Amino acid sequence: MGRNVSEEQREKVRVLSVLLSEQYPGAFPPGRVALVPLKIGIHRDVMVRHPEIDRLTVKNFFVFHAYSKPYLQASSVAGSARRDLDGNEAGIVTEEQAQAARDALAKIGKRKKKTAS
């Protein structure tokens, strides 16, 4: 998460992460291993099913999740199935989306090399 996210908001995101992995393991595998590409707009589904969770927490969670290296790796293969909250297939990763994920991974790799030198 970005530096501008408060400790309170980080804790809310952590709690949401646990909730999602417990209630929707087909979309959010426990332990963040073997992440799967998610349905486009899945954040709206989370907000509908969990109106008690504020919009900022949902947004911060998905920014963190979608730009994580494991998620980008899972999303870098065109034709991979996207999953809804229940783990059902909900579309596929297009070539354009897969290329965007590969580009983001390359940027992460460049940043790590820069900070290591």
PDB file of N, CA and C in Angstrom:
ATOM      1  N   MET A   1       0.837  -1.169   0.000  1.00  0.00           N
ATOM      2  CA  MET A   1       0.000   0.000   0.000  1.00  0.00           C
ATOM      3  C   MET A   1       0.881   1.230   0.000  1.00  0.00           C
ATOM      4  N   GLY A   2       0.331   2.305  -0.460  1.00  0.00           N
ATOM      5  CA  GLY A   2       1.099   3.538  -0.532  1.00  0.00           C
ATOM      6  C   GLY A   2       1.460   4.096   0.826  1.00  0.00           C
ATOM      7  N   ARG A   3       2.398   4.983   0.818  1.00  0.00           N
ATOM      8  CA  ARG A   3       2.869   5.610   2.055  1.00  0.00           C
ATOM      9  C   ARG A   3       1.806   6.491   2.691  1.00  0.00           C
ATOM     10  N   ASN A   4       0.854   6.949   1.905  1.00  0.00           N
ATOM     11  CA  ASN A   4      -0.171   7.867   2.400  1.00  0.00           C
ATOM     12  C   ASN A   4      -1.330   7.163   3.098  1.00  0.00           C
ATOM     13  N   VAL A   5      -1.261   5.852   3.239  1.00  0.00           N
ATOM     14  CA  VAL A   5      -2.329   5.091   3.876  1.00  0.00           C
ATOM     15  C   VAL A   5      -2.035   4.999   5.372  1.00  0.00           C
ATOM     16  N   SER A   6      -3.006   5.398   6.185  1.00  0.00           N
ATOM     17  CA  SER A   6      -2.822   5.407   7.641  1.00  0.00           C
ATOM     18  C   SER A   6      -2.739   3.981   8.192  1.00  0.00           C
ATOM     19  N   GLU A   7      -2.196   3.871   9.378  1.00  0.00           N
ATOM     20  CA  GLU A   7      -2.127   2.568  10.044  1.00  0.00           C
ATOM     21  C   GLU A   7      -3.529   2.007  10.262  1.00  0.00           C
ATOM     22  N   GLU A   8      -4.467   2.877  10.603  1.00  0.00           N
ATOM     23  CA  GLU A   8      -5.851   2.438  10.797  1.00  0.00           C
ATOM     24  C   GLU A   8      -6.410   1.840   9.507  1.00  0.00           C
ATOM     25  N   GLN A   9      -6.147   2.509   8.373  1.00  0.00           N
ATOM     26  CA  GLN A   9      -6.642   2.019   7.096  1.00  0.00           C
ATOM     27  C   GLN A   9      -5.933   0.716   6.710  1.00  0.00           C
ATOM     28  N   ARG A  10      -4.647   0.609   7.000  1.00  0.00           N
ATOM     29  CA  ARG A  10      -3.917  -0.641   6.735  1.00  0.00           C
ATOM     30  C   ARG A  10      -4.538  -1.802   7.500  1.00  0.00           C
ATOM     31  N   GLU A  11      -4.915  -1.539   8.749  1.00  0.00           N
ATOM     32  CA  GLU A  11      -5.538  -2.585   9.560  1.00  0.00           C
ATOM     33  C   GLU A  11      -6.897  -2.970   8.988  1.00  0.00           C
ATOM     34  N   LYS A  12      -7.657  -2.015   8.531  1.00  0.00           N
ATOM     35  CA  LYS A  12      -8.959  -2.314   7.907  1.00  0.00           C
ATOM     36  C   LYS A  12      -8.767  -3.171   6.653  1.00  0.00           C
ATOM     37  N   VAL A  13      -7.748  -2.866   5.881  1.00  0.00           N
ATOM     38  CA  VAL A  13      -7.464  -3.647   4.674  1.00  0.00           C
ATOM     39  C   VAL A  13      -7.055  -5.068   5.059  1.00  0.00           C
ATOM     40  N   ARG A  14      -6.250  -5.205   6.107  1.00  0.00           N
ATOM     41  CA  ARG A  14      -5.840  -6.539   6.563  1.00  0.00           C
ATOM     42  C   ARG A  14      -7.065  -7.345   6.990  1.00  0.00           C
ATOM     43  N   VAL A  15      -7.957  -6.725   7.749  1.00  0.00           N
ATOM     44  CA  VAL A  15      -9.181  -7.399   8.201  1.00  0.00           C
ATOM     45  C   VAL A  15     -10.036  -7.801   6.992  1.00  0.00           C
ATOM     46  N   LEU A  16     -10.168  -6.920   6.010  1.00  0.00           N
ATOM     47  CA  LEU A  16     -10.926  -7.242   4.805  1.00  0.00           C
ATOM     48  C   LEU A  16     -10.281  -8.408   4.060  1.00  0.00           C
ATOM     49  N   SER A  17      -8.976  -8.421   3.982  1.00  0.00           N
ATOM     50  CA  SER A  17      -8.262  -9.503   3.316  1.00  0.00           C
ATOM     51  C   SER A  17      -8.580 -10.857   3.957  1.00  0.00           C
ATOM     52  N   VAL A  18      -8.568 -10.892   5.288  1.00  0.00           N
ATOM     53  CA  VAL A  18      -8.892 -12.125   6.012  1.00  0.00           C
ATOM     54  C   VAL A  18     -10.342 -12.524   5.739  1.00  0.00           C
ATOM     55  N   LEU A  19     -11.254 -11.562   5.825  1.00  0.00           N
ATOM     56  CA  LEU A  19     -12.673 -11.831   5.581  1.00  0.00           C
ATOM     57  C   LEU A  19     -12.891 -12.413   4.190  1.00  0.00           C
ATOM     58  N   LEU A  20     -12.286 -11.800   3.190  1.00  0.00           N
ATOM     59  CA  LEU A  20     -12.477 -12.264   1.815  1.00  0.00           C
ATOM     60  C   LEU A  20     -11.905 -13.656   1.613  1.00  0.00           C
ATOM     61  N   SER A  21     -10.732 -13.936   2.186  1.00  0.00           N
ATOM     62  CA  SER A  21     -10.144 -15.267   2.004  1.00  0.00           C
ATOM     63  C   SER A  21     -10.944 -16.337   2.743  1.00  0.00           C
ATOM     64  N   GLU A  22     -11.575 -15.967   3.865  1.00  0.00           N
ATOM     65  CA  GLU A  22     -12.401 -16.931   4.597  1.00  0.00           C
ATOM     66  C   GLU A  22     -13.738 -17.181   3.898  1.00  0.00           C
ATOM     67  N   GLN A  23     -14.372 -16.124   3.418  1.00  0.00           N
ATOM     68  CA  GLN A  23     -15.703 -16.265   2.829  1.00  0.00           C
ATOM     69  C   GLN A  23     -15.694 -16.606   1.346  1.00  0.00           C
ATOM     70  N   TYR A  24     -14.615 -16.244   0.656  1.00  0.00           N
ATOM     71  CA  TYR A  24     -14.569 -16.443  -0.797  1.00  0.00           C
ATOM     72  C   TYR A  24     -13.220 -17.038  -1.221  1.00  0.00           C
ATOM     73  N   PRO A  25     -12.904 -18.247  -0.742  1.00  0.00           N
ATOM     74  CA  PRO A  25     -11.576 -18.818  -1.046  1.00  0.00           C
ATOM     75  C   PRO A  25     -11.355 -19.113  -2.532  1.00  0.00           C
ATOM     76  N   GLY A  26     -12.435 -19.252  -3.302  1.00  0.00           N
ATOM     77  CA  GLY A  26     -12.281 -19.485  -4.738  1.00  0.00           C
ATOM     78  C   GLY A  26     -11.768 -18.267  -5.477  1.00  0.00           C
ATOM     79  N   ALA A  27     -11.990 -17.093  -4.901  1.00  0.00           N
ATOM     80  CA  ALA A  27     -11.510 -15.847  -5.508  1.00  0.00           C
ATOM     81  C   ALA A  27     -10.277 -15.309  -4.789  1.00  0.00           C
ATOM     82  N   PHE A  28     -10.214 -15.544  -3.481  1.00  0.00           N
ATOM     83  CA  PHE A  28      -9.105 -15.029  -2.658  1.00  0.00           C
ATOM     84  C   PHE A  28      -8.501 -16.167  -1.847  1.00  0.00           C
ATOM     85  N   PRO A  29      -7.643 -16.967  -2.476  1.00  0.00           N
ATOM     86  CA  PRO A  29      -7.077 -18.121  -1.775  1.00  0.00           C
ATOM     87  C   PRO A  29      -6.365 -17.699  -0.481  1.00  0.00           C
ATOM     88  N   PRO A  30      -6.597 -18.435   0.597  1.00  0.00           N
ATOM     89  CA  PRO A  30      -5.929 -18.110   1.869  1.00  0.00           C
ATOM     90  C   PRO A  30      -4.408 -18.096   1.706  1.00  0.00           C
ATOM     91  N   GLY A  31      -3.777 -17.178   2.406  1.00  0.00           N
ATOM     92  CA  GLY A  31      -2.321 -17.091   2.363  1.00  0.00           C
ATOM     93  C   GLY A  31      -1.764 -16.401   1.133  1.00  0.00           C
ATOM     94  N   ARG A  32      -2.647 -15.879   0.289  1.00  0.00           N
ATOM     95  CA  ARG A  32      -2.237 -15.156  -0.925  1.00  0.00           C
ATOM     96  C   ARG A  32      -1.350 -16.007  -1.835  1.00  0.00           C
ATOM     97  N   VAL A  33      -1.532 -17.318  -1.790  1.00  0.00           N
ATOM     98  CA  VAL A  33      -0.783 -18.186  -2.705  1.00  0.00           C
ATOM     99  C   VAL A  33      -1.697 -18.531  -3.870  1.00  0.00           C
ATOM    100  N   ALA A  34      -1.117 -18.706  -5.012  1.00  0.00           N
ATOM    101  CA  ALA A  34      -1.867 -19.086  -6.211  1.00  0.00           C
ATOM    102  C   ALA A  34      -3.061 -18.156  -6.438  1.00  0.00           C
ATOM    103  N   LEU A  35      -2.803 -16.852  -6.463  1.00  0.00           N
ATOM    104  CA  LEU A  35      -3.877 -15.895  -6.726  1.00  0.00           C
ATOM    105  C   LEU A  35      -4.451 -16.135  -8.114  1.00  0.00           C
ATOM    106  N   VAL A  36      -5.705 -15.766  -8.281  1.00  0.00           N
ATOM    107  CA  VAL A  36      -6.392 -15.963  -9.555  1.00  0.00           C
ATOM    108  C   VAL A  36      -6.841 -14.612 -10.102  1.00  0.00           C
ATOM    109  N   PRO A  37      -6.916 -14.485 -11.424  1.00  0.00           N
ATOM    110  CA  PRO A  37      -7.461 -13.257 -11.994  1.00  0.00           C
ATOM    111  C   PRO A  37      -8.923 -13.106 -11.564  1.00  0.00           C
ATOM    112  N   LEU A  38      -9.312 -11.884 -11.248  1.00  0.00           N
ATOM    113  CA  LEU A  38     -10.652 -11.624 -10.742  1.00  0.00           C
ATOM    114  C   LEU A  38     -11.542 -10.976 -11.795  1.00  0.00           C
ATOM    115  N   LYS A  39     -12.818 -11.201 -11.623  1.00  0.00           N
ATOM    116  CA  LYS A  39     -13.840 -10.597 -12.473  1.00  0.00           C
ATOM    117  C   LYS A  39     -13.647  -9.079 -12.518  1.00  0.00           C
ATOM    118  N   ILE A  40     -13.785  -8.507 -13.687  1.00  0.00           N
ATOM    119  CA  ILE A  40     -13.740  -7.061 -13.810  1.00  0.00           C
ATOM    120  C   ILE A  40     -14.920  -6.485 -13.013  1.00  0.00           C
ATOM    121  N   GLY A  41     -14.640  -5.536 -12.125  1.00  0.00           N
ATOM    122  CA  GLY A  41     -15.684  -4.921 -11.323  1.00  0.00           C
ATOM    123  C   GLY A  41     -16.038  -5.681 -10.052  1.00  0.00           C
ATOM    124  N   ILE A  42     -15.217  -6.640  -9.657  1.00  0.00           N
ATOM    125  CA  ILE A  42     -15.521  -7.450  -8.475  1.00  0.00           C
ATOM    126  C   ILE A  42     -15.615  -6.600  -7.205  1.00  0.00           C
ATOM    127  N   HIS A  43     -14.959  -5.450  -7.212  1.00  0.00           N
ATOM    128  CA  HIS A  43     -15.037  -4.573  -6.032  1.00  0.00           C
ATOM    129  C   HIS A  43     -16.487  -4.153  -5.765  1.00  0.00           C
ATOM    130  N   ARG A  44     -17.268  -3.982  -6.832  1.00  0.00           N
ATOM    131  CA  ARG A  44     -18.683  -3.625  -6.655  1.00  0.00           C
ATOM    132  C   ARG A  44     -19.447  -4.762  -5.972  1.00  0.00           C
ATOM    133  N   ASP A  45     -19.104  -5.991  -6.327  1.00  0.00           N
ATOM    134  CA  ASP A  45     -19.752  -7.151  -5.705  1.00  0.00           C
ATOM    135  C   ASP A  45     -19.439  -7.209  -4.213  1.00  0.00           C
ATOM    136  N   VAL A  46     -18.204  -6.885  -3.862  1.00  0.00           N
ATOM    137  CA  VAL A  46     -17.817  -6.867  -2.448  1.00  0.00           C
ATOM    138  C   VAL A  46     -18.632  -5.808  -1.713  1.00  0.00           C
ATOM    139  N   MET A  47     -18.768  -4.637  -2.304  1.00  0.00           N
ATOM    140  CA  MET A  47     -19.504  -3.556  -1.638  1.00  0.00           C
ATOM    141  C   MET A  47     -20.992  -3.900  -1.491  1.00  0.00           C
ATOM    142  N   VAL A  48     -21.561  -4.618  -2.459  1.00  0.00           N
ATOM    143  CA  VAL A  48     -22.967  -5.021  -2.365  1.00  0.00           C
ATOM    144  C   VAL A  48     -23.141  -6.064  -1.263  1.00  0.00           C
ATOM    145  N   ARG A  49     -22.248  -7.039  -1.215  1.00  0.00           N
ATOM    146  CA  ARG A  49     -22.380  -8.109  -0.218  1.00  0.00           C
ATOM    147  C   ARG A  49     -21.954  -7.672   1.181  1.00  0.00           C
ATOM    148  N   HIS A  50     -21.147  -6.637   1.252  1.00  0.00           N
ATOM    149  CA  HIS A  50     -20.624  -6.186   2.552  1.00  0.00           C
ATOM    150  C   HIS A  50     -20.768  -4.674   2.684  1.00  0.00           C
ATOM    151  N   PRO A  51     -22.003  -4.192   2.786  1.00  0.00           N
ATOM    152  CA  PRO A  51     -22.219  -2.742   2.885  1.00  0.00           C
ATOM    153  C   PRO A  51     -21.611  -2.138   4.156  1.00  0.00           C
ATOM    154  N   GLU A  52     -21.281  -2.964   5.124  1.00  0.00           N
ATOM    155  CA  GLU A  52     -20.665  -2.469   6.359  1.00  0.00           C
ATOM    156  C   GLU A  52     -19.204  -2.056   6.159  1.00  0.00           C
ATOM    157  N   ILE A  53     -18.619  -2.421   5.041  1.00  0.00           N
ATOM    158  CA  ILE A  53     -17.219  -2.081   4.757  1.00  0.00           C
ATOM    159  C   ILE A  53     -17.187  -0.803   3.937  1.00  0.00           C
ATOM    160  N   ASP A  54     -16.431   0.163   4.412  1.00  0.00           N
ATOM    161  CA  ASP A  54     -16.421   1.455   3.722  1.00  0.00           C
ATOM    162  C   ASP A  54     -15.694   1.372   2.384  1.00  0.00           C
ATOM    163  N   ARG A  55     -16.097   2.255   1.498  1.00  0.00           N
ATOM    164  CA  ARG A  55     -15.596   2.290   0.115  1.00  0.00           C
ATOM    165  C   ARG A  55     -14.073   2.458   0.055  1.00  0.00           C
ATOM    166  N   LEU A  56     -13.510   3.298   0.913  1.00  0.00           N
ATOM    167  CA  LEU A  56     -12.065   3.528   0.899  1.00  0.00           C
ATOM    168  C   LEU A  56     -11.294   2.248   1.231  1.00  0.00           C
ATOM    169  N   THR A  57     -11.792   1.481   2.172  1.00  0.00           N
ATOM    170  CA  THR A  57     -11.128   0.224   2.522  1.00  0.00           C
ATOM    171  C   THR A  57     -11.169  -0.746   1.353  1.00  0.00           C
ATOM    172  N   VAL A  58     -12.313  -0.844   0.690  1.00  0.00           N
ATOM    173  CA  VAL A  58     -12.432  -1.720  -0.476  1.00  0.00           C
ATOM    174  C   VAL A  58     -11.472  -1.255  -1.571  1.00  0.00           C
ATOM    175  N   LYS A  59     -11.446   0.040  -1.812  1.00  0.00           N
ATOM    176  CA  LYS A  59     -10.550   0.592  -2.837  1.00  0.00           C
ATOM    177  C   LYS A  59      -9.097   0.283  -2.516  1.00  0.00           C
ATOM    178  N   ASN A  60      -8.684   0.567  -1.276  1.00  0.00           N
ATOM    179  CA  ASN A  60      -7.291   0.322  -0.893  1.00  0.00           C
ATOM    180  C   ASN A  60      -6.936  -1.157  -0.990  1.00  0.00           C
ATOM    181  N   PHE A  61      -7.863  -2.026  -0.592  1.00  0.00           N
ATOM    182  CA  PHE A  61      -7.600  -3.459  -0.698  1.00  0.00           C
ATOM    183  C   PHE A  61      -7.324  -3.847  -2.146  1.00  0.00           C
ATOM    184  N   PHE A  62      -8.195  -3.398  -3.056  1.00  0.00           N
ATOM    185  CA  PHE A  62      -8.037  -3.823  -4.445  1.00  0.00           C
ATOM    186  C   PHE A  62      -6.840  -3.176  -5.126  1.00  0.00           C
ATOM    187  N   VAL A  63      -6.465  -1.982  -4.723  1.00  0.00           N
ATOM    188  CA  VAL A  63      -5.229  -1.390  -5.261  1.00  0.00           C
ATOM    189  C   VAL A  63      -4.047  -2.255  -4.833  1.00  0.00           C
ATOM    190  N   PHE A  64      -4.004  -2.589  -3.556  1.00  0.00           N
ATOM    191  CA  PHE A  64      -2.933  -3.439  -3.038  1.00  0.00           C
ATOM    192  C   PHE A  64      -2.936  -4.801  -3.729  1.00  0.00           C
ATOM    193  N   HIS A  65      -4.106  -5.412  -3.830  1.00  0.00           N
ATOM    194  CA  HIS A  65      -4.236  -6.759  -4.404  1.00  0.00           C
ATOM    195  C   HIS A  65      -3.868  -6.778  -5.892  1.00  0.00           C
ATOM    196  N   ALA A  66      -4.456  -5.857  -6.643  1.00  0.00           N
ATOM    197  CA  ALA A  66      -4.289  -5.878  -8.095  1.00  0.00           C
ATOM    198  C   ALA A  66      -2.876  -5.535  -8.552  1.00  0.00           C
ATOM    199  N   TYR A  67      -2.135  -4.800  -7.726  1.00  0.00           N
ATOM    200  CA  TYR A  67      -0.766  -4.439  -8.107  1.00  0.00           C
ATOM    201  C   TYR A  67       0.276  -5.270  -7.378  1.00  0.00           C
ATOM    202  N   SER A  68      -0.165  -6.368  -6.750  1.00  0.00           N
ATOM    203  CA  SER A  68       0.797  -7.263  -6.114  1.00  0.00           C
ATOM    204  C   SER A  68       1.436  -8.156  -7.180  1.00  0.00           C
ATOM    205  N   LYS A  69       2.658  -8.525  -6.947  1.00  0.00           N
ATOM    206  CA  LYS A  69       3.373  -9.364  -7.916  1.00  0.00           C
ATOM    207  C   LYS A  69       2.636 -10.690  -8.171  1.00  0.00           C
ATOM    208  N   PRO A  70       2.152 -11.390  -7.136  1.00  0.00           N
ATOM    209  CA  PRO A  70       1.446 -12.652  -7.420  1.00  0.00           C
ATOM    210  C   PRO A  70       0.184 -12.469  -8.276  1.00  0.00           C
ATOM    211  N   TYR A  71      -0.556 -11.390  -8.033  1.00  0.00           N
ATOM    212  CA  TYR A  71      -1.768 -11.167  -8.829  1.00  0.00           C
ATOM    213  C   TYR A  71      -1.399 -10.813 -10.269  1.00  0.00           C
ATOM    214  N   LEU A  72      -0.404  -9.976 -10.438  1.00  0.00           N
ATOM    215  CA  LEU A  72       0.028  -9.619 -11.792  1.00  0.00           C
ATOM    216  C   LEU A  72       0.526 -10.847 -12.548  1.00  0.00           C
ATOM    217  N   GLN A  73       1.239 -11.730 -11.854  1.00  0.00           N
ATOM    218  CA  GLN A  73       1.699 -12.965 -12.503  1.00  0.00           C
ATOM    219  C   GLN A  73       0.510 -13.810 -12.953  1.00  0.00           C
ATOM    220  N   ALA A  74      -0.500 -13.929 -12.082  1.00  0.00           N
ATOM    221  CA  ALA A  74      -1.685 -14.711 -12.432  1.00  0.00           C
ATOM    222  C   ALA A  74      -2.439 -14.088 -13.600  1.00  0.00           C
ATOM    223  N   SER A  75      -2.369 -12.773 -13.718  1.00  0.00           N
ATOM    224  CA  SER A  75      -3.114 -12.051 -14.747  1.00  0.00           C
ATOM    225  C   SER A  75      -2.316 -11.852 -16.032  1.00  0.00           C
ATOM    226  N   SER A  76      -1.115 -12.387 -16.087  1.00  0.00           N
ATOM    227  CA  SER A  76      -0.245 -12.139 -17.239  1.00  0.00           C
ATOM    228  C   SER A  76      -0.398 -13.182 -18.345  1.00  0.00           C
ATOM    229  N   VAL A  77      -1.322 -14.111 -18.169  1.00  0.00           N
ATOM    230  CA  VAL A  77      -1.518 -15.169 -19.168  1.00  0.00           C
ATOM    231  C   VAL A  77      -2.879 -14.969 -19.837  1.00  0.00           C
ATOM    232  N   ALA A  78      -2.836 -14.604 -21.116  1.00  0.00           N
ATOM    233  CA  ALA A  78      -4.073 -14.410 -21.864  1.00  0.00           C
ATOM    234  C   ALA A  78      -4.862 -15.716 -21.902  1.00  0.00           C
ATOM    235  N   GLY A  79      -6.167 -15.602 -21.767  1.00  0.00           N
ATOM    236  CA  GLY A  79      -7.022 -16.779 -21.800  1.00  0.00           C
ATOM    237  C   GLY A  79      -7.299 -17.378 -20.430  1.00  0.00           C
ATOM    238  N   SER A  80      -6.585 -16.894 -19.402  1.00  0.00           N
ATOM    239  CA  SER A  80      -6.829 -17.392 -18.042  1.00  0.00           C
ATOM    240  C   SER A  80      -8.235 -16.986 -17.605  1.00  0.00           C
ATOM    241  N   ALA A  81      -8.884 -17.873 -16.866  1.00  0.00           N
ATOM    242  CA  ALA A  81     -10.239 -17.591 -16.386  1.00  0.00           C
ATOM    243  C   ALA A  81     -10.203 -16.569 -15.263  1.00  0.00           C
ATOM    244  N   ARG A  82     -11.103 -15.620 -15.331  1.00  0.00           N
ATOM    245  CA  ARG A  82     -11.333 -14.691 -14.231  1.00  0.00           C
ATOM    246  C   ARG A  82     -12.379 -15.316 -13.322  1.00  0.00           C
ATOM    247  N   ARG A  83     -12.328 -15.003 -12.025  1.00  0.00           N
ATOM    248  CA  ARG A  83     -13.245 -15.606 -11.056  1.00  0.00           C
ATOM    249  C   ARG A  83     -14.090 -14.540 -10.363  1.00  0.00           C
ATOM    250  N   ASP A  84     -15.354 -14.898 -10.083  1.00  0.00           N
ATOM    251  CA  ASP A  84     -16.201 -14.024  -9.292  1.00  0.00           C
ATOM    252  C   ASP A  84     -16.019 -14.375  -7.819  1.00  0.00           C
ATOM    253  N   LEU A  85     -16.770 -13.742  -6.933  1.00  0.00           N
ATOM    254  CA  LEU A  85     -16.605 -13.985  -5.502  1.00  0.00           C
ATOM    255  C   LEU A  85     -16.811 -15.443  -5.122  1.00  0.00           C
ATOM    256  N   ASP A  86     -17.682 -16.129  -5.830  1.00  0.00           N
ATOM    257  CA  ASP A  86     -17.976 -17.517  -5.504  1.00  0.00           C
ATOM    258  C   ASP A  86     -17.018 -18.505  -6.166  1.00  0.00           C
ATOM    259  N   GLY A  87     -16.033 -17.980  -6.901  1.00  0.00           N
ATOM    260  CA  GLY A  87     -15.057 -18.850  -7.555  1.00  0.00           C
ATOM    261  C   GLY A  87     -15.488 -19.330  -8.925  1.00  0.00           C
ATOM    262  N   ASN A  88     -16.631 -18.842  -9.395  1.00  0.00           N
ATOM    263  CA  ASN A  88     -17.115 -19.233 -10.726  1.00  0.00           C
ATOM    264  C   ASN A  88     -16.404 -18.437 -11.806  1.00  0.00           C
ATOM    265  N   GLU A  89     -16.266 -19.049 -12.984  1.00  0.00           N
ATOM    266  CA  GLU A  89     -15.647 -18.351 -14.100  1.00  0.00           C
ATOM    267  C   GLU A  89     -16.489 -17.137 -14.466  1.00  0.00           C
ATOM    268  N   ALA A  90     -15.807 -16.013 -14.667  1.00  0.00           N
ATOM    269  CA  ALA A  90     -16.494 -14.756 -14.972  1.00  0.00           C
ATOM    270  C   ALA A  90     -15.668 -13.950 -15.965  1.00  0.00           C
ATOM    271  N   GLY A  91     -15.461 -14.542 -17.127  1.00  0.00           N
ATOM    272  CA  GLY A  91     -14.670 -13.886 -18.165  1.00  0.00           C
ATOM    273  C   GLY A  91     -13.262 -14.455 -18.233  1.00  0.00           C
ATOM    274  N   ILE A  92     -12.502 -13.889 -19.151  1.00  0.00           N
ATOM    275  CA  ILE A  92     -11.112 -14.323 -19.320  1.00  0.00           C
ATOM    276  C   ILE A  92     -10.201 -13.104 -19.387  1.00  0.00           C
ATOM    277  N   VAL A  93      -8.928 -13.348 -19.173  1.00  0.00           N
ATOM    278  CA  VAL A  93      -7.912 -12.312 -19.325  1.00  0.00           C
ATOM    279  C   VAL A  93      -7.636 -12.165 -20.817  1.00  0.00           C
ATOM    280  N   THR A  94      -7.805 -10.950 -21.339  1.00  0.00           N
ATOM    281  CA  THR A  94      -7.528 -10.711 -22.756  1.00  0.00           C
ATOM    282  C   THR A  94      -6.027 -10.550 -22.969  1.00  0.00           C
ATOM    283  N   GLU A  95      -5.601 -10.605 -24.202  1.00  0.00           N
ATOM    284  CA  GLU A  95      -4.180 -10.408 -24.512  1.00  0.00           C
ATOM    285  C   GLU A  95      -3.740  -9.016 -24.069  1.00  0.00           C
ATOM    286  N   GLU A  96      -4.575  -8.026 -24.296  1.00  0.00           N
ATOM    287  CA  GLU A  96      -4.243  -6.654 -23.899  1.00  0.00           C
ATOM    288  C   GLU A  96      -4.069  -6.553 -22.372  1.00  0.00           C
ATOM    289  N   GLN A  97      -4.966  -7.183 -21.621  1.00  0.00           N
ATOM    290  CA  GLN A  97      -4.861  -7.173 -20.155  1.00  0.00           C
ATOM    291  C   GLN A  97      -3.628  -7.932 -19.689  1.00  0.00           C
ATOM    292  N   ALA A  98      -3.351  -9.063 -20.334  1.00  0.00           N
ATOM    293  CA  ALA A  98      -2.166  -9.845 -19.978  1.00  0.00           C
ATOM    294  C   ALA A  98      -0.889  -9.038 -20.238  1.00  0.00           C
ATOM    295  N   GLN A  99      -0.861  -8.320 -21.353  1.00  0.00           N
ATOM    296  CA  GLN A  99       0.309  -7.497 -21.665  1.00  0.00           C
ATOM    297  C   GLN A  99       0.473  -6.380 -20.642  1.00  0.00           C
ATOM    298  N   ALA A 100      -0.621  -5.770 -20.213  1.00  0.00           N
ATOM    299  CA  ALA A 100      -0.558  -4.725 -19.187  1.00  0.00           C
ATOM    300  C   ALA A 100       0.004  -5.301 -17.885  1.00  0.00           C
ATOM    301  N   ALA A 101      -0.388  -6.517 -17.536  1.00  0.00           N
ATOM    302  CA  ALA A 101       0.146  -7.164 -16.321  1.00  0.00           C
ATOM    303  C   ALA A 101       1.642  -7.436 -16.482  1.00  0.00           C
ATOM    304  N   ARG A 102       2.056  -7.909 -17.656  1.00  0.00           N
ATOM    305  CA  ARG A 102       3.490  -8.157 -17.888  1.00  0.00           C
ATOM    306  C   ARG A 102       4.289  -6.860 -17.841  1.00  0.00           C
ATOM    307  N   ASP A 103       3.725  -5.788 -18.374  1.00  0.00           N
ATOM    308  CA  ASP A 103       4.389  -4.479 -18.324  1.00  0.00           C
ATOM    309  C   ASP A 103       4.545  -4.013 -16.874  1.00  0.00           C
ATOM    310  N   ALA A 104       3.493  -4.190 -16.075  1.00  0.00           N
ATOM    311  CA  ALA A 104       3.559  -3.800 -14.660  1.00  0.00           C
ATOM    312  C   ALA A 104       4.605  -4.635 -13.918  1.00  0.00           C
ATOM    313  N   LEU A 105       4.687  -5.914 -14.227  1.00  0.00           N
ATOM    314  CA  LEU A 105       5.709  -6.768 -13.604  1.00  0.00           C
ATOM    315  C   LEU A 105       7.116  -6.306 -13.979  1.00  0.00           C
ATOM    316  N   ALA A 106       7.284  -5.904 -15.227  1.00  0.00           N
ATOM    317  CA  ALA A 106       8.594  -5.408 -15.674  1.00  0.00           C
ATOM    318  C   ALA A 106       8.974  -4.145 -14.907  1.00  0.00           C
ATOM    319  N   LYS A 107       8.006  -3.263 -14.663  1.00  0.00           N
ATOM    320  CA  LYS A 107       8.275  -2.043 -13.900  1.00  0.00           C
ATOM    321  C   LYS A 107       8.671  -2.379 -12.469  1.00  0.00           C
ATOM    322  N   ILE A 108       7.988  -3.357 -11.883  1.00  0.00           N
ATOM    323  CA  ILE A 108       8.348  -3.786 -10.524  1.00  0.00           C
ATOM    324  C   ILE A 108       9.780  -4.297 -10.505  1.00  0.00           C
ATOM    325  N   GLY A 109      10.137  -5.092 -11.500  1.00  0.00           N
ATOM    326  CA  GLY A 109      11.503  -5.619 -11.591  1.00  0.00           C
ATOM    327  C   GLY A 109      12.535  -4.521 -11.727  1.00  0.00           C
ATOM    328  N   LYS A 110      12.236  -3.498 -12.520  1.00  0.00           N
ATOM    329  CA  LYS A 110      13.161  -2.372 -12.690  1.00  0.00           C
ATOM    330  C   LYS A 110      13.323  -1.584 -11.398  1.00  0.00           C
ATOM    331  N   ARG A 111      12.214  -1.376 -10.677  1.00  0.00           N
ATOM    332  CA  ARG A 111      12.285  -0.646  -9.403  1.00  0.00           C
ATOM    333  C   ARG A 111      13.134  -1.399  -8.394  1.00  0.00           C
ATOM    334  N   LYS A 112      12.980  -2.723  -8.360  1.00  0.00           N
ATOM    335  CA  LYS A 112      13.758  -3.527  -7.397  1.00  0.00           C
ATOM    336  C   LYS A 112      15.238  -3.477  -7.730  1.00  0.00           C
ATOM    337  N   LYS A 113      15.562  -3.505  -9.027  1.00  0.00           N
ATOM    338  CA  LYS A 113      16.966  -3.436  -9.426  1.00  0.00           C
ATOM    339  C   LYS A 113      17.556  -2.081  -9.053  1.00  0.00           C
ATOM    340  N   LYS A 114      16.756  -1.005  -9.227  1.00  0.00           N
ATOM    341  CA  LYS A 114      17.223   0.349  -8.886  1.00  0.00           C
ATOM    342  C   LYS A 114      17.507   0.478  -7.403  1.00  0.00           C
ATOM    343  N   THR A 115      16.604  -0.042  -6.560  1.00  0.00           N
ATOM    344  CA  THR A 115      16.785   0.089  -5.117  1.00  0.00           C
ATOM    345  C   THR A 115      17.893  -0.812  -4.603  1.00  0.00           C
ATOM    346  N   ALA A 116      18.207  -1.894  -5.330  1.00  0.00           N
ATOM    347  CA  ALA A 116      19.268  -2.800  -4.909  1.00  0.00           C
ATOM    348  C   ALA A 116      20.645  -2.216  -5.198  1.00  0.00           C
ATOM    349  N   SER A 117      20.733  -1.287  -6.179  1.00  0.00           N
ATOM    350  CA  SER A 117      22.058  -0.742  -6.523  1.00  0.00           C
ATOM    351  C   SER A 117      22.423   0.457  -5.703  1.00  0.00           C
TER     352      SER A 117
END
